[in-house]
Amino acid sequence: MKRFENKVAVVTGGTTGIGLATAKLFADEGAKVIVTGANPTTLAAAHAELDGKATVIASDAGSGDDIQRLAERVAKEHGVVDALFLNAGVTRYGLIASMDEAAFDESIRVNLKGPWLAIKHFAPLIARGGSIVLNTSITHQLGQPYTGAYAASKAGLRSLAQTAAAELASAGVRVNAVSPGPIDTPIHAKQGLEQAIRGVIPRIALGRLGQPIEIAKVVLFLASDDAAFMTGEEIVVDGGMTRLRAQG
């Protein structure tokens, strides 16, 4: 039997990269999948690619009004949610001394406030035995230049996962996080960072970038009953970048 047969999964930021790969896995495992995005172009592309495997909804992951409307729609159409993957995020890089304040605010709005709001509005819908998975990042452990806003938002998200896990445990809802290292996703090319992301490969013990499907499989594990005795955890998936020294 498929692991998510007749269950409902919501994936924010599910139109490209890790989110899209995860949405496909949930669908393959039998879930009724809802994915969100804010970019009209990627929304249209995801709608075509998923082709009936998921419902694609335009929703700003950092907007309280949009998130509330999304939760109300899911409640009306499905009643409950079994898996909520809070994947939507933005990358804004720059030195602390020169970064625009608006870029910092946008990082916090989408990467941290958005998941906080999503948990707030979706928690009452999560079925007992259900799961919330947050997408953090190894950047909050590394102290790298140019990542001040992004890393701070992800560090806050890691903390939020632990707090939410404690608060929702009595309701039978687990909350965990996946922490990706450098992953080969379209976001890097879109922001002109493709060369920079490939420049970190020598620091990765396995000698390559990760693929979205490799993160998606960990998300599926955390959301499934296979991880039924895990909550408040963060699983690092980075090819050994933060734990091992690359050879050569």
Protein backbone atom coordinates (compact mmCIF):
# COMPACT_ATOMS: atom_id res chain seq x y z
CA MET A 1 0.00 0.00 0.00
CA LYS A 2 1.19 3.50 -0.79
CA ARG A 3 2.34 5.49 2.25
CA PHE A 4 0.02 8.45 1.66
CA GLU A 5 -2.99 6.71 0.16
CA ASN A 6 -6.09 8.90 0.69
CA LYS A 7 -4.07 11.43 2.68
CA VAL A 8 -3.70 15.16 2.04
CA ALA A 9 -0.33 16.87 1.59
CA VAL A 10 0.29 20.61 1.22
CA VAL A 11 3.59 21.89 -0.20
CA THR A 12 4.33 25.61 -0.12
CA GLY A 13 6.74 26.79 -2.80
CA GLY A 14 5.91 23.65 -4.71
CA THR A 15 6.24 24.87 -8.28
CA THR A 16 9.99 24.36 -8.79
CA GLY A 17 13.04 22.60 -7.36
CA ILE A 18 12.73 20.80 -4.03
CA GLY A 19 9.05 21.65 -3.61
CA LEU A 20 8.06 20.31 -7.02
CA ALA A 21 10.09 17.13 -6.54
CA THR A 22 8.42 16.59 -3.17
CA ALA A 23 4.95 17.21 -4.57
CA LYS A 24 5.56 14.55 -7.21
CA LEU A 25 6.71 12.04 -4.57
CA PHE A 26 3.66 12.69 -2.41
CA ALA A 27 1.43 12.17 -5.44
CA ASP A 28 3.24 8.96 -6.38
CA GLU A 29 2.62 7.73 -2.84
CA GLY A 30 -1.11 8.28 -3.23
CA ALA A 31 -1.59 11.70 -1.61
CA LYS A 32 -4.03 14.38 -2.64
CA VAL A 33 -1.50 17.18 -3.13
CA ILE A 34 -1.89 20.96 -2.98
CA VAL A 35 1.08 23.07 -4.05
CA THR A 36 1.49 26.83 -3.85
CA GLY A 37 3.61 29.44 -5.55
CA ALA A 38 3.63 33.15 -6.26
CA ASN A 39 5.27 33.40 -9.68
CA PRO A 40 2.71 33.21 -12.55
CA THR A 41 5.26 31.62 -14.89
CA THR A 42 6.28 28.81 -12.56
CA LEU A 43 2.67 28.32 -11.47
CA ALA A 44 1.67 27.70 -15.07
CA ALA A 45 4.65 25.40 -15.66
CA ALA A 46 3.91 23.38 -12.52
CA HIS A 47 0.25 23.08 -13.47
CA ALA A 48 1.26 21.62 -16.82
CA GLU A 49 3.95 19.34 -15.38
CA LEU A 50 1.87 17.96 -12.52
CA ASP A 51 -1.05 17.49 -14.94
CA GLY A 52 -3.78 16.49 -12.52
CA LYS A 53 -1.45 15.02 -9.89
CA ALA A 54 -1.83 18.11 -7.72
CA THR A 55 -3.91 21.23 -7.24
CA VAL A 56 -1.77 24.31 -7.97
CA ILE A 57 -2.74 27.49 -6.11
CA ALA A 58 -1.37 31.03 -6.33
CA SER A 59 -0.47 32.05 -2.77
CA ASP A 60 2.17 34.37 -1.30
CA ALA A 61 3.96 32.32 1.36
CA GLY A 62 4.76 35.46 3.37
CA SER A 63 1.25 36.96 3.35
CA GLY A 64 -0.96 36.35 6.36
CA ASP A 65 -4.11 36.94 4.30
CA ASP A 66 -3.02 34.52 1.57
CA ILE A 67 -2.07 31.85 4.08
CA GLN A 68 -5.36 32.18 5.92
CA ARG A 69 -7.31 31.92 2.66
CA LEU A 70 -5.26 28.87 1.69
CA ALA A 71 -5.99 27.13 4.99
CA GLU A 72 -9.69 27.94 4.69
CA ARG A 73 -9.81 26.54 1.16
CA VAL A 74 -7.99 23.35 2.14
CA ALA A 75 -10.30 22.94 5.15
CA LYS A 76 -13.37 23.36 2.95
CA GLU A 77 -12.18 21.00 0.21
CA HIS A 78 -10.36 18.35 2.25
CA GLY A 79 -11.21 18.78 5.92
CA VAL A 80 -7.82 17.74 7.26
CA VAL A 81 -4.14 17.84 6.31
CA ASP A 82 -1.83 14.90 6.95
CA ALA A 83 1.46 16.41 5.75
CA LEU A 84 2.49 20.06 5.54
CA PHE A 85 5.84 20.83 3.91
CA LEU A 86 6.80 24.47 4.46
CA ASN A 87 9.30 24.80 1.67
CA ALA A 88 8.71 28.28 0.25
CA GLY A 89 11.59 30.66 0.68
CA VAL A 90 13.66 33.43 -0.85
CA THR A 91 17.42 33.92 -1.05
CA ARG A 92 18.71 37.43 -0.48
CA TYR A 93 22.50 37.66 -0.20
CA GLY A 94 24.70 40.60 0.72
CA LEU A 95 27.16 41.89 3.28
CA ILE A 96 25.55 43.15 6.48
CA ALA A 97 27.20 46.55 6.03
CA SER A 98 25.78 47.09 2.56
CA MET A 99 22.63 45.00 2.27
CA ASP A 100 19.39 46.83 1.67
CA GLU A 101 17.03 46.79 4.65
CA ALA A 102 14.13 45.78 2.42
CA ALA A 103 15.98 42.63 1.36
CA PHE A 104 16.47 41.66 5.00
CA ASP A 105 12.78 42.29 5.72
CA GLU A 106 11.75 40.15 2.74
CA SER A 107 13.96 37.29 3.94
CA ILE A 108 12.31 37.32 7.36
CA ARG A 109 8.81 37.81 5.93
CA VAL A 110 8.91 34.81 3.62
CA ASN A 111 11.42 32.46 5.27
CA LEU A 112 10.40 32.85 8.91
CA LYS A 113 7.18 34.79 9.39
CA GLY A 114 5.49 32.84 6.58
CA PRO A 115 6.09 29.40 8.15
CA TRP A 116 5.05 30.80 11.55
CA LEU A 117 1.78 31.97 10.02
CA ALA A 118 1.32 28.67 8.17
CA ILE A 119 1.71 26.69 11.38
CA LYS A 120 -0.70 29.06 13.12
CA HIS A 121 -3.43 28.64 10.50
CA PHE A 122 -2.86 25.00 9.55
CA ALA A 123 -2.22 23.47 12.98
CA PRO A 124 -5.95 23.02 13.69
CA LEU A 125 -6.27 21.10 10.41
CA ILE A 126 -3.41 18.66 10.95
CA ALA A 127 -4.74 15.17 11.68
CA ARG A 128 -3.51 13.30 14.75
CA GLY A 129 -0.48 11.38 13.53
CA GLY A 130 0.16 14.04 10.92
CA SER A 131 3.39 15.89 10.30
CA ILE A 132 4.86 19.30 9.54
CA VAL A 133 8.27 19.51 7.83
CA LEU A 134 10.19 22.79 7.54
CA ASN A 135 12.95 23.48 5.02
CA THR A 136 15.88 25.07 6.85
CA SER A 137 19.46 25.20 5.49
CA ILE A 138 23.01 24.40 6.51
CA THR A 139 23.81 28.11 6.15
CA HIS A 140 22.55 28.79 9.67
CA GLN A 141 25.43 26.64 10.98
CA LEU A 142 28.28 28.00 8.84
CA GLY A 143 28.71 31.73 9.45
CA GLN A 144 29.44 32.50 5.80
CA PRO A 145 29.84 36.06 4.50
CA TYR A 146 26.92 37.42 2.43
CA THR A 147 24.39 35.07 4.10
CA GLY A 148 23.46 37.22 7.11
CA ALA A 149 19.78 37.72 6.26
CA TYR A 150 19.20 34.26 4.80
CA ALA A 151 21.06 32.39 7.54
CA ALA A 152 19.34 34.36 10.29
CA SER A 153 15.93 33.55 8.84
CA LYS A 154 16.82 29.86 8.65
CA ALA A 155 18.23 29.81 12.18
CA GLY A 156 14.92 31.25 13.35
CA LEU A 157 13.11 28.58 11.36
CA ARG A 158 15.14 25.84 13.04
CA SER A 159 14.13 27.25 16.43
CA LEU A 160 10.51 27.50 15.30
CA ALA A 161 10.53 23.81 14.41
CA GLN A 162 11.52 22.90 17.96
CA THR A 163 8.98 25.20 19.57
CA ALA A 164 6.17 24.02 17.31
CA ALA A 165 7.13 20.39 17.98
CA ALA A 166 6.78 21.00 21.72
CA GLU A 167 3.48 22.82 21.37
CA LEU A 168 1.85 20.32 18.98
CA ALA A 169 3.08 17.08 20.55
CA SER A 170 -0.04 16.69 22.71
CA ALA A 171 -2.16 16.92 19.54
CA GLY A 172 -0.21 14.02 18.03
CA VAL A 173 1.43 16.24 15.40
CA ARG A 174 5.15 15.90 14.71
CA VAL A 175 7.31 18.81 13.52
CA ASN A 176 10.74 18.26 11.99
CA ALA A 177 13.10 20.01 9.59
CA VAL A 178 15.24 19.07 6.63
CA SER A 179 18.46 21.07 6.24
CA PRO A 180 19.76 20.98 2.66
CA GLY A 181 23.27 21.78 1.60
CA PRO A 182 24.02 23.06 -1.92
CA ILE A 183 21.29 21.71 -4.20
CA ASP A 184 21.11 22.00 -7.97
CA THR A 185 17.87 23.95 -8.34
CA PRO A 186 16.64 26.63 -10.79
CA ILE A 187 16.78 29.36 -8.12
CA HIS A 188 20.56 29.74 -8.54
CA ALA A 189 20.41 30.40 -12.26
CA LYS A 190 17.49 32.78 -11.77
CA GLN A 191 19.56 34.89 -9.38
CA GLY A 192 22.81 34.63 -11.32
CA LEU A 193 24.42 32.42 -8.68
CA GLU A 194 24.99 29.26 -10.73
CA GLN A 195 28.76 29.76 -10.90
CA ALA A 196 28.95 30.58 -7.20
CA ILE A 197 27.01 27.49 -6.15
CA ARG A 198 29.22 25.25 -8.25
CA GLY A 199 32.23 26.88 -6.65
CA VAL A 200 31.43 25.16 -3.35
CA ILE A 201 31.67 21.65 -4.81
CA PRO A 202 35.31 21.23 -3.65
CA ARG A 203 34.03 21.68 -0.08
CA ILE A 204 31.50 18.84 -0.40
CA ALA A 205 32.85 15.44 0.66
CA LEU A 206 30.78 13.61 -1.97
CA GLY A 207 32.11 15.95 -4.67
CA ARG A 208 28.85 17.11 -6.23
CA LEU A 209 25.73 19.18 -5.72
CA GLY A 210 22.65 17.50 -4.32
CA GLN A 211 19.54 16.94 -6.40
CA PRO A 212 16.02 18.09 -5.43
CA ILE A 213 14.77 14.48 -5.37
CA GLU A 214 17.35 13.65 -2.68
CA ILE A 215 15.85 16.25 -0.37
CA ALA A 216 12.31 15.25 -1.33
CA LYS A 217 12.93 11.67 -0.22
CA VAL A 218 14.00 12.87 3.23
CA VAL A 219 10.91 15.08 3.47
CA LEU A 220 8.73 12.11 2.56
CA PHE A 221 10.43 10.04 5.28
CA LEU A 222 9.90 12.73 7.92
CA ALA A 223 6.27 13.19 6.92
CA SER A 224 5.52 9.47 6.92
CA ASP A 225 4.88 6.95 9.68
CA ASP A 226 8.44 5.70 9.11
CA ALA A 227 9.48 8.67 11.28
CA ALA A 228 6.67 8.24 13.81
CA PHE A 229 9.03 8.55 16.82
CA MET A 230 10.80 11.69 15.57
CA THR A 231 9.86 15.25 16.42
CA GLY A 232 11.80 18.48 16.91
CA GLU A 233 14.65 17.10 14.78
CA GLU A 234 16.62 18.53 11.88
CA ILE A 235 18.16 16.19 9.32
CA VAL A 236 21.17 17.59 7.46
CA VAL A 237 21.42 16.51 3.80
CA ASP A 238 24.57 18.12 2.41
CA GLY A 239 26.92 15.46 1.05
CA GLY A 240 29.07 15.75 4.17
CA MET A 241 29.80 19.47 3.74
CA THR A 242 29.25 20.42 7.39
CA ARG A 243 30.55 17.21 9.00
CA LEU A 244 33.42 16.00 6.81
CA ARG A 245 36.42 17.52 5.13
CA ALA A 246 36.45 17.04 1.37
CA GLN A 247 39.36 14.96 0.08
CA GLY A 248 41.82 16.07 -2.58
